[in-house]
N, C-alpha and C. Protein backbone atom coordinates (compact mmCIF):
# COMPACT_ATOMS: atom_id res chain seq x y z
N MET A 1 -9.58 12.73 26.30
CA MET A 1 -8.19 13.53 26.26
C MET A 1 -8.46 14.88 25.79
N ILE A 2 -8.66 15.61 26.95
CA ILE A 2 -9.14 17.06 26.26
C ILE A 2 -7.69 17.97 24.78
N PRO A 3 -8.61 18.55 23.99
CA PRO A 3 -7.84 18.84 23.00
C PRO A 3 -7.02 20.51 23.60
N THR A 4 -6.13 20.76 23.65
CA THR A 4 -5.57 21.48 23.99
C THR A 4 -5.98 23.20 23.41
N ILE A 5 -4.65 23.79 23.05
CA ILE A 5 -5.08 24.72 21.67
C ILE A 5 -4.19 24.77 20.29
N ASN A 6 -3.63 24.28 20.92
CA ASN A 6 -1.96 23.92 19.76
C ASN A 6 -2.99 23.16 19.55
N THR A 7 -4.09 21.83 19.45
CA THR A 7 -3.68 20.55 18.65
C THR A 7 -5.25 21.30 18.45
N LYS A 8 -5.65 22.49 18.32
CA LYS A 8 -7.07 22.73 17.91
C LYS A 8 -6.20 23.87 16.35
N MET A 9 -5.79 24.85 17.06
CA MET A 9 -5.12 25.37 16.03
C MET A 9 -3.69 24.41 14.56
N ARG A 10 -3.54 23.01 14.64
CA ARG A 10 -2.30 22.84 13.67
C ARG A 10 -4.50 21.24 13.03
N TRP A 11 -5.30 20.90 13.89
CA TRP A 11 -6.20 20.70 12.95
C TRP A 11 -7.13 21.62 12.09
N LEU A 12 -7.76 23.33 12.61
CA LEU A 12 -7.71 24.53 11.75
C LEU A 12 -6.82 24.74 10.43
N TYR A 13 -5.58 24.60 10.57
CA TYR A 13 -4.64 25.28 9.84
C TYR A 13 -4.53 24.14 8.16
N MET A 14 -4.89 22.46 8.96
CA MET A 14 -5.33 21.63 7.96
C MET A 14 -6.05 21.38 7.62
N MET A 15 -7.25 21.91 7.62
CA MET A 15 -8.24 21.77 7.65
C MET A 15 -8.41 22.84 6.12
N ASN A 16 -7.51 23.86 6.44
CA ASN A 16 -7.60 24.89 4.98
C ASN A 16 -6.65 24.13 3.87
N VAL A 17 -5.70 23.59 3.88
CA VAL A 17 -4.96 22.72 3.04
C VAL A 17 -5.76 22.49 1.50
N LYS A 18 -6.28 23.47 0.70
CA LYS A 18 -6.31 23.01 -0.23
C LYS A 18 -5.77 21.92 -1.87
N SER A 19 -6.21 21.10 -1.71
CA SER A 19 -6.03 20.14 -3.06
C SER A 19 -6.56 21.19 -3.77
N CYS A 20 -5.04 20.69 -5.09
CA CYS A 20 -5.08 21.08 -6.06
C CYS A 20 -5.53 19.76 -7.52
N THR A 21 -6.26 19.96 -8.05
CA THR A 21 -6.25 20.00 -9.72
C THR A 21 -5.31 18.47 -9.81
N LYS A 22 -4.70 17.43 -9.12
CA LYS A 22 -3.29 16.87 -9.86
C LYS A 22 -3.84 15.50 -8.86
N ALA A 23 -5.06 15.30 -8.91
CA ALA A 23 -6.12 13.78 -7.95
C ALA A 23 -4.89 13.27 -8.95
N ILE A 24 -4.46 11.56 -8.53
CA ILE A 24 -4.33 10.42 -9.47
C ILE A 24 -4.72 9.64 -8.53
N LYS A 25 -5.71 9.29 -9.34
CA LYS A 25 -6.53 7.70 -8.79
C LYS A 25 -7.81 7.64 -7.80
N GLY A 26 -7.91 8.82 -7.57
CA GLY A 26 -9.16 9.73 -6.86
C GLY A 26 -7.99 9.71 -5.21
N VAL A 27 -6.58 10.19 -4.84
CA VAL A 27 -5.42 10.04 -4.44
C VAL A 27 -5.45 11.73 -4.76
N ASP A 28 -5.86 13.12 -3.29
CA ASP A 28 -5.98 13.87 -3.73
C ASP A 28 -3.83 14.24 -3.95
N CYS A 29 -4.14 15.77 -4.07
CA CYS A 29 -2.33 16.05 -4.65
C CYS A 29 -1.73 15.61 -3.23
N LYS A 30 -0.38 15.11 -3.75
CA LYS A 30 0.64 15.12 -3.16
C LYS A 30 0.97 15.44 -2.09
N CYS A 31 1.63 16.88 -3.02
CA CYS A 31 2.54 17.52 -2.00
C CYS A 31 1.67 18.33 -0.16
N ALA A 32 -0.17 18.00 -1.33
CA ALA A 32 -0.94 18.44 -0.03
C ALA A 32 -0.84 17.57 1.37
N ASP A 33 -1.40 16.73 0.60
CA ASP A 33 -1.18 15.33 1.45
C ASP A 33 -0.37 15.64 2.47
N LYS A 34 1.01 15.77 1.57
CA LYS A 34 2.18 16.06 2.63
C LYS A 34 1.97 16.20 3.73
N LEU A 35 1.05 17.84 3.44
CA LEU A 35 1.41 19.32 4.01
C LEU A 35 0.85 18.61 5.00
N ARG A 36 -0.15 17.96 4.68
CA ARG A 36 -1.96 17.41 6.06
C ARG A 36 -1.17 17.07 7.25
N ARG A 37 -0.86 16.25 6.06
CA ARG A 37 0.22 14.64 7.42
C ARG A 37 0.63 15.82 8.26
N ASN A 38 1.57 16.30 7.87
CA ASN A 38 2.79 17.03 9.16
C ASN A 38 2.47 17.91 9.81
N ILE A 39 0.90 19.07 9.35
CA ILE A 39 -0.34 19.24 10.58
C ILE A 39 -0.28 18.67 11.52
N ILE A 40 -0.55 17.33 11.39
CA ILE A 40 -1.41 17.12 12.08
C ILE A 40 -0.53 16.09 13.25
N ARG A 41 0.74 16.01 13.31
CA ARG A 41 1.70 15.32 14.39
C ARG A 41 1.87 15.80 15.45
N LEU A 42 1.66 14.99 16.23
CA LEU A 42 2.07 15.77 17.38
C LEU A 42 3.54 15.43 18.58
N PRO A 43 3.53 16.41 18.78
CA PRO A 43 5.27 15.62 19.39
C PRO A 43 5.23 15.91 20.08
N THR A 44 5.60 15.28 20.74
CA THR A 44 6.09 15.16 22.77
C THR A 44 6.87 15.51 22.97
N ASN A 45 7.74 16.26 22.87
CA ASN A 45 9.24 16.64 23.46
C ASN A 45 9.09 18.48 22.23
N MET A 46 9.77 18.98 22.66
CA MET A 46 10.29 20.70 22.15
C MET A 46 11.12 20.18 21.09
N TYR A 47 11.95 19.21 21.29
CA TYR A 47 12.88 19.19 20.11
C TYR A 47 12.40 18.13 18.98
N GLU A 48 11.56 16.99 19.16
CA GLU A 48 10.20 17.69 18.41
C GLU A 48 9.84 18.02 18.23
N GLU A 49 8.75 19.20 18.64
CA GLU A 49 7.64 20.25 17.64
C GLU A 49 9.06 21.22 17.16
N LYS A 50 10.09 21.19 17.59
CA LYS A 50 10.79 21.73 16.14
C LYS A 50 11.13 21.63 14.59
N ARG A 51 11.74 20.12 15.12
CA ARG A 51 11.82 19.20 13.96
C ARG A 51 10.21 19.41 12.93
N PHE A 52 9.47 18.80 13.43
CA PHE A 52 7.64 18.66 12.87
C PHE A 52 7.57 20.31 12.24
N ASN A 53 7.90 21.88 13.02
CA ASN A 53 7.50 22.88 12.77
C ASN A 53 8.43 23.04 11.55
N LYS A 54 9.89 22.79 11.04
CA LYS A 54 11.47 22.20 10.12
C LYS A 54 10.28 21.62 8.91
N GLU A 55 9.86 21.06 9.48
CA GLU A 55 8.69 19.38 8.00
C GLU A 55 8.30 20.25 7.60
N ILE A 56 7.23 20.53 7.97
CA ILE A 56 6.47 22.42 7.87
C ILE A 56 6.63 23.32 7.27
N GLU A 57 7.58 23.56 7.58
CA GLU A 57 7.91 25.02 6.32
C GLU A 57 8.26 24.50 4.76
N ARG A 58 9.32 22.63 4.90
CA ARG A 58 9.52 22.37 4.47
C ARG A 58 9.02 21.50 2.96
N SER A 59 7.36 21.28 3.64
CA SER A 59 6.51 20.65 2.72
C SER A 59 4.78 21.70 3.14
N TYR A 60 5.11 23.60 3.24
CA TYR A 60 4.93 23.98 3.10
C TYR A 60 5.74 24.75 1.49
N LEU A 61 6.34 24.78 1.95
CA LEU A 61 7.64 25.22 0.21
C LEU A 61 6.81 25.14 -0.65
N ASN A 62 7.14 23.64 -1.01
CA ASN A 62 6.74 22.51 -2.11
C ASN A 62 5.48 22.53 -1.99
N TYR A 63 4.26 22.56 -1.42
CA TYR A 63 2.96 22.70 -1.88
C TYR A 63 2.90 23.75 -2.48
N LEU A 64 3.48 25.74 -2.47
CA LEU A 64 3.49 26.12 -2.56
C LEU A 64 3.74 25.60 -4.20
N ASN A 65 4.89 25.88 -4.40
CA ASN A 65 5.21 25.21 -5.59
C ASN A 65 4.08 24.50 -6.87
N CYS A 66 4.02 23.36 -5.78
CA CYS A 66 2.84 22.77 -6.92
C CYS A 66 2.11 23.12 -7.52
N ARG A 67 1.53 23.82 -6.68
CA ARG A 67 -0.29 24.83 -6.12
C ARG A 67 0.67 26.24 -7.83
N ASN A 68 1.33 26.51 -7.82
CA ASN A 68 2.15 27.36 -8.78
C ASN A 68 2.03 27.36 -9.85
N LYS A 69 2.53 25.90 -10.14
CA LYS A 69 2.77 25.29 -10.75
C LYS A 69 0.96 24.71 -11.83
N GLU A 70 0.40 24.14 -11.40
CA GLU A 70 -1.52 24.27 -11.09
C GLU A 70 -2.03 25.12 -12.51
N HIS A 71 -0.99 26.45 -11.27
CA HIS A 71 -2.13 27.63 -12.43
C HIS A 71 -1.29 28.54 -13.47
N LYS A 72 -0.28 28.23 -13.44
CA LYS A 72 0.21 28.62 -15.06
C LYS A 72 0.47 27.89 -16.23
């Protein structure tokens, strides 16, 4: 399987998500982990891609809220 530009970009985006310090029992922050999982999913058609992008946006907003709470 040859990776496409889209999969490489998603992989790089996923690698740049930083975990907050809310590690519970050795598990990373839930909001960062959920964002990573949503980013790495590959759509099979354009409808799934739109839905995944909306879920990524929603997860990203949750991630930002989680990170902002950490810094206060």
